[in-house]
Amino acid sequence: MIVKNHIRFILATIVLSTCIVFVYRDIFVSPDEAHNPNKEFPSRILDWTADEVPYDKTVLSVLSPDKIIYKSYHRDGSPPITLFIAYYNTLEKADLSHSPVVCFTGQGWEIENMRKIEIPVNRTDIPKIKVNEIIQKKLNTIMIALFWYQSANNAFSNRGIQKISLLFNKLSGKLDSNAFVRVTATVAEGMSVEETTSHLFSFVQDVYPEIRGFII
C-alpha cells in the first residue's frame, strides 16, 4: 500500500509540474522569435519556376490559415507540379488542417491507392521524410498527391503525432508554428504513374529545404 501511494504521489507530482510549466512557460523559458507569416515563399527554386494558382478564398477559408501558398512549379517543359501550403501560427490551429481525401472525393476523384512512403531529402539532420501518397482517378485523368504535416524541423504523415511534437515545442518555449503541405501532379500523356511519382519526388527533394525554412 505504501509503495502504491508513493507511485501515485510521483505521478501526481509529474502531472502537476507539467501543468505548471505549461501555464507559466513564459516565465521559465524564453520563446524563440515569433515567425513572420508574411514572409514570401520563393517562385524560383533551383531550376523550378512557379506561377501563382488562382483559388477561391471562400472555399479555402474553412481551413482558416494564417497564410496560404498556392503555386504551380515547372522546369524544362516538364509537367507542372502544384504546391499548396496552409500555414498556422500556433499549435491550437493545427486541428484546422486535415487529410485532403474528403475534398478530393467531394470533387469527383476516385481514390485508387493510398499509402505512406519515405522520400530522401538529402539533409544531414533529416535524411528522409515520411509522407502520404494518394493515387486517384477522374474520368481519364490520373492525379498523384503527396501530403504531410510540417512543424519546425520535422515532417509528419500523421497529424496526431505532429500535435504531440508541437506540444513539446510549446512547453519548451520553441516555435509551435506548423503547416499542412500538399504536392500534386497529373499523369501527362505518354508518362506513367511511376515516372510522375519520380518527378514529384525530385520536386520535393529540391523544395523541401524552402518549405522547412518557411515554417521555422
Protein backbone atom coordinates (compact mmCIF):
# COMPACT_ATOMS: atom_id res chain seq x y z
CA MET A 1 0.00 0.00 0.00
CA ILE A 2 2.86 2.36 0.90
CA VAL A 3 4.53 1.64 -2.46
CA LYS A 4 1.30 2.28 -4.37
CA ASN A 5 0.74 5.57 -2.58
CA HIS A 6 4.33 6.57 -3.31
CA ILE A 7 3.86 5.83 -7.03
CA ARG A 8 0.61 7.81 -7.07
CA PHE A 9 2.37 10.73 -5.39
CA ILE A 10 5.17 10.69 -8.01
CA LEU A 11 2.68 10.57 -10.91
CA ALA A 12 0.62 13.39 -9.43
CA THR A 13 3.77 15.46 -8.97
CA ILE A 14 4.78 14.91 -12.62
CA VAL A 15 1.31 15.88 -13.88
CA LEU A 16 1.19 18.97 -11.67
CA SER A 17 4.70 20.03 -12.69
CA THR A 18 3.81 19.67 -16.37
CA CYS A 19 0.70 21.80 -15.90
CA ILE A 20 2.69 24.48 -14.07
CA VAL A 21 5.31 24.58 -16.83
CA PHE A 22 2.60 24.84 -19.47
CA VAL A 23 0.76 27.67 -17.69
CA TYR A 24 3.87 29.62 -16.73
CA ARG A 25 6.13 28.67 -19.61
CA ASP A 26 6.75 32.33 -20.50
CA ILE A 27 8.36 32.79 -17.10
CA PHE A 28 10.55 29.68 -17.23
CA VAL A 29 11.70 29.85 -20.84
CA SER A 30 12.32 32.48 -23.47
CA PRO A 31 10.39 31.57 -26.63
CA ASP A 32 12.11 31.89 -29.97
CA GLU A 33 11.50 34.96 -32.06
CA ALA A 34 7.97 34.91 -33.47
CA HIS A 35 7.71 33.66 -37.02
CA ASN A 36 6.56 36.15 -39.60
CA PRO A 37 3.75 34.63 -41.69
CA ASN A 38 4.04 37.47 -44.21
CA LYS A 39 7.33 36.06 -45.46
CA GLU A 40 7.06 35.25 -49.17
CA PHE A 41 7.66 31.76 -50.50
CA PRO A 42 10.07 31.85 -53.49
CA SER A 43 8.71 31.44 -57.01
CA ARG A 44 12.08 30.26 -58.25
CA ILE A 45 13.85 27.36 -56.53
CA LEU A 46 16.93 25.96 -58.28
CA ASP A 47 15.63 25.32 -61.84
CA TRP A 48 11.95 25.27 -60.80
CA THR A 49 9.86 28.32 -61.73
CA ALA A 50 6.38 28.99 -60.36
CA ASP A 51 3.19 30.78 -61.31
CA GLU A 52 0.53 31.72 -58.77
CA VAL A 53 -2.53 29.46 -58.77
CA PRO A 54 -5.83 31.35 -58.55
CA TYR A 55 -8.12 29.94 -55.90
CA ASP A 56 -11.49 30.50 -54.29
CA LYS A 57 -10.71 32.18 -50.97
CA THR A 58 -14.20 31.41 -49.71
CA VAL A 59 -13.68 27.66 -50.22
CA LEU A 60 -10.26 27.63 -48.54
CA SER A 61 -11.41 29.88 -45.70
CA VAL A 62 -12.70 26.77 -43.92
CA LEU A 63 -9.03 25.92 -43.25
CA SER A 64 -8.60 29.34 -41.57
CA PRO A 65 -4.84 29.50 -42.24
CA ASP A 66 -2.69 32.46 -41.26
CA LYS A 67 -1.17 32.30 -44.74
CA ILE A 68 -1.75 30.33 -47.94
CA ILE A 69 0.89 29.41 -50.52
CA TYR A 70 -0.55 28.11 -53.80
CA LYS A 71 1.87 27.86 -56.72
CA SER A 72 2.41 25.76 -59.83
CA TYR A 73 6.06 24.88 -60.49
CA HIS A 74 7.65 23.63 -63.71
CA ARG A 75 11.08 23.12 -65.23
CA ASP A 76 12.41 22.32 -68.70
CA GLY A 77 8.96 21.78 -70.18
CA SER A 78 8.13 19.01 -67.70
CA PRO A 79 4.57 18.60 -66.36
CA PRO A 80 3.66 21.25 -63.76
CA ILE A 81 3.58 20.42 -60.07
CA THR A 82 1.23 22.25 -57.73
CA LEU A 83 2.34 23.17 -54.22
CA PHE A 84 -0.24 24.10 -51.59
CA ILE A 85 0.74 25.19 -48.07
CA ALA A 86 -1.71 26.19 -45.33
CA TYR A 87 0.40 27.84 -42.64
CA TYR A 88 -0.66 28.19 -38.98
CA ASN A 89 0.97 30.29 -36.26
CA THR A 90 0.13 28.10 -33.27
CA LEU A 91 -0.47 24.58 -32.02
CA GLU A 92 -4.12 25.40 -31.31
CA LYS A 93 -4.76 25.93 -35.02
CA ALA A 94 -3.20 22.61 -36.11
CA ASP A 95 -6.61 20.92 -35.95
CA LEU A 96 -7.81 23.14 -38.80
CA SER A 97 -5.69 21.20 -41.31
CA HIS A 98 -6.95 17.83 -42.47
CA SER A 99 -6.43 15.00 -44.94
CA PRO A 100 -7.42 16.03 -48.48
CA VAL A 101 -9.20 12.71 -49.11
CA VAL A 102 -12.62 14.17 -48.27
CA CYS A 103 -12.02 17.18 -50.53
CA PHE A 104 -10.80 15.03 -53.42
CA THR A 105 -13.71 12.58 -53.26
CA GLY A 106 -16.11 15.51 -52.97
CA GLN A 107 -14.71 16.82 -56.26
CA GLY A 108 -15.39 13.51 -58.00
CA TRP A 109 -11.98 11.86 -57.67
CA GLU A 110 -11.92 8.11 -57.06
CA ILE A 111 -9.13 7.03 -54.70
CA GLU A 112 -7.31 4.05 -56.24
CA ASN A 113 -4.47 3.73 -53.73
CA MET A 114 -3.24 5.43 -50.57
CA ARG A 115 -0.09 4.63 -48.64
CA LYS A 116 2.73 6.10 -46.56
CA ILE A 117 6.08 6.47 -48.28
CA GLU A 118 9.52 7.88 -47.48
CA ILE A 119 11.30 10.46 -49.61
CA PRO A 120 15.06 11.16 -49.29
CA VAL A 121 15.63 14.90 -48.84
CA ASN A 122 19.44 14.88 -48.81
CA ARG A 123 19.89 16.64 -45.47
CA THR A 124 22.33 15.57 -42.80
CA ASP A 125 19.91 16.13 -39.90
CA ILE A 126 16.83 14.66 -41.63
CA PRO A 127 17.87 12.31 -44.47
CA LYS A 128 14.28 11.42 -45.37
CA ILE A 129 10.68 12.38 -44.63
CA LYS A 130 7.57 10.22 -44.38
CA VAL A 131 4.53 11.45 -46.34
CA ASN A 132 1.15 10.20 -47.54
CA GLU A 133 0.69 9.32 -51.21
CA ILE A 134 -2.70 9.22 -52.94
CA ILE A 135 -3.27 7.95 -56.48
CA GLN A 136 -6.70 8.93 -57.76
CA LYS A 137 -8.64 8.97 -60.99
CA LYS A 138 -11.43 11.07 -62.51
CA LEU A 139 -12.64 10.18 -65.99
CA ASN A 140 -9.40 9.67 -67.98
CA THR A 141 -7.20 11.73 -65.68
CA ILE A 142 -4.90 10.25 -63.04
CA MET A 143 -3.54 12.54 -60.34
CA ILE A 144 -0.90 11.80 -57.71
CA ALA A 145 -0.88 13.74 -54.45
CA LEU A 146 1.68 13.79 -51.67
CA PHE A 147 0.76 15.43 -48.37
CA TRP A 148 2.13 15.79 -44.87
CA TYR A 149 2.04 17.95 -41.74
CA GLN A 150 5.10 20.12 -41.23
CA SER A 151 6.28 21.61 -37.94
CA ALA A 152 9.61 23.15 -37.03
CA ASN A 153 12.25 20.76 -38.42
CA ASN A 154 10.03 17.73 -38.86
CA ALA A 155 7.56 16.33 -41.38
CA PHE A 156 4.79 14.02 -40.17
CA SER A 157 2.46 11.76 -42.12
CA ASN A 158 0.18 11.65 -39.07
CA ARG A 159 -1.38 14.83 -37.68
CA GLY A 160 -1.81 13.38 -34.18
CA ILE A 161 1.91 12.72 -33.83
CA GLN A 162 2.61 16.19 -35.20
CA LYS A 163 0.42 17.73 -32.46
CA ILE A 164 2.33 15.87 -29.74
CA SER A 165 5.58 17.24 -31.16
CA LEU A 166 4.09 20.74 -31.27
CA LEU A 167 3.01 20.45 -27.63
CA PHE A 168 6.56 19.61 -26.55
CA ASN A 169 7.80 22.57 -28.60
CA LYS A 170 5.32 24.84 -26.84
CA LEU A 171 6.25 23.56 -23.39
CA SER A 172 9.95 24.13 -24.07
CA GLY A 173 9.45 27.63 -25.44
CA LYS A 174 10.09 26.74 -29.07
CA LEU A 175 8.00 27.82 -32.02
CA ASP A 176 4.79 25.86 -32.48
CA SER A 177 4.14 27.17 -35.99
CA ASN A 178 3.05 24.44 -38.38
CA ALA A 179 1.57 23.76 -41.80
CA PHE A 180 -0.34 21.37 -43.98
CA VAL A 181 1.63 20.70 -47.18
CA ARG A 182 0.24 19.13 -50.36
CA VAL A 183 2.04 18.49 -53.65
CA THR A 184 0.12 17.26 -56.71
CA ALA A 185 0.70 16.39 -60.36
CA THR A 186 -1.45 14.80 -63.04
CA VAL A 187 -0.03 11.97 -65.12
CA ALA A 188 0.69 13.57 -68.50
CA GLU A 189 0.04 11.81 -71.79
CA GLY A 190 2.93 9.50 -72.57
CA MET A 191 4.06 9.31 -68.94
CA SER A 192 3.48 6.50 -66.46
CA VAL A 193 2.42 6.73 -62.83
CA GLU A 194 5.94 5.69 -61.83
CA GLU A 195 7.54 8.44 -63.93
CA THR A 196 5.17 11.05 -62.49
CA THR A 197 5.90 9.85 -58.96
CA SER A 198 9.64 10.16 -59.62
CA HIS A 199 9.01 13.68 -60.94
CA LEU A 200 7.17 14.55 -57.70
CA PHE A 201 9.97 13.07 -55.59
CA SER A 202 12.53 15.21 -57.40
CA PHE A 203 10.45 18.31 -56.74
CA VAL A 204 10.03 17.56 -53.03
CA GLN A 205 13.76 16.90 -52.64
CA ASP A 206 14.58 20.30 -54.18
CA VAL A 207 11.83 22.31 -52.48
CA TYR A 208 11.71 20.77 -49.01
CA PRO A 209 14.51 22.96 -47.56
CA GLU A 210 12.49 26.03 -48.58
CA ILE A 211 9.34 24.57 -47.03
CA ARG A 212 11.12 23.85 -43.78
CA GLY A 213 12.70 27.28 -43.73
CA PHE A 214 9.32 28.88 -44.32
CA ILE A 215 7.78 27.15 -41.29
CA ILE A 216 10.52 27.84 -38.71
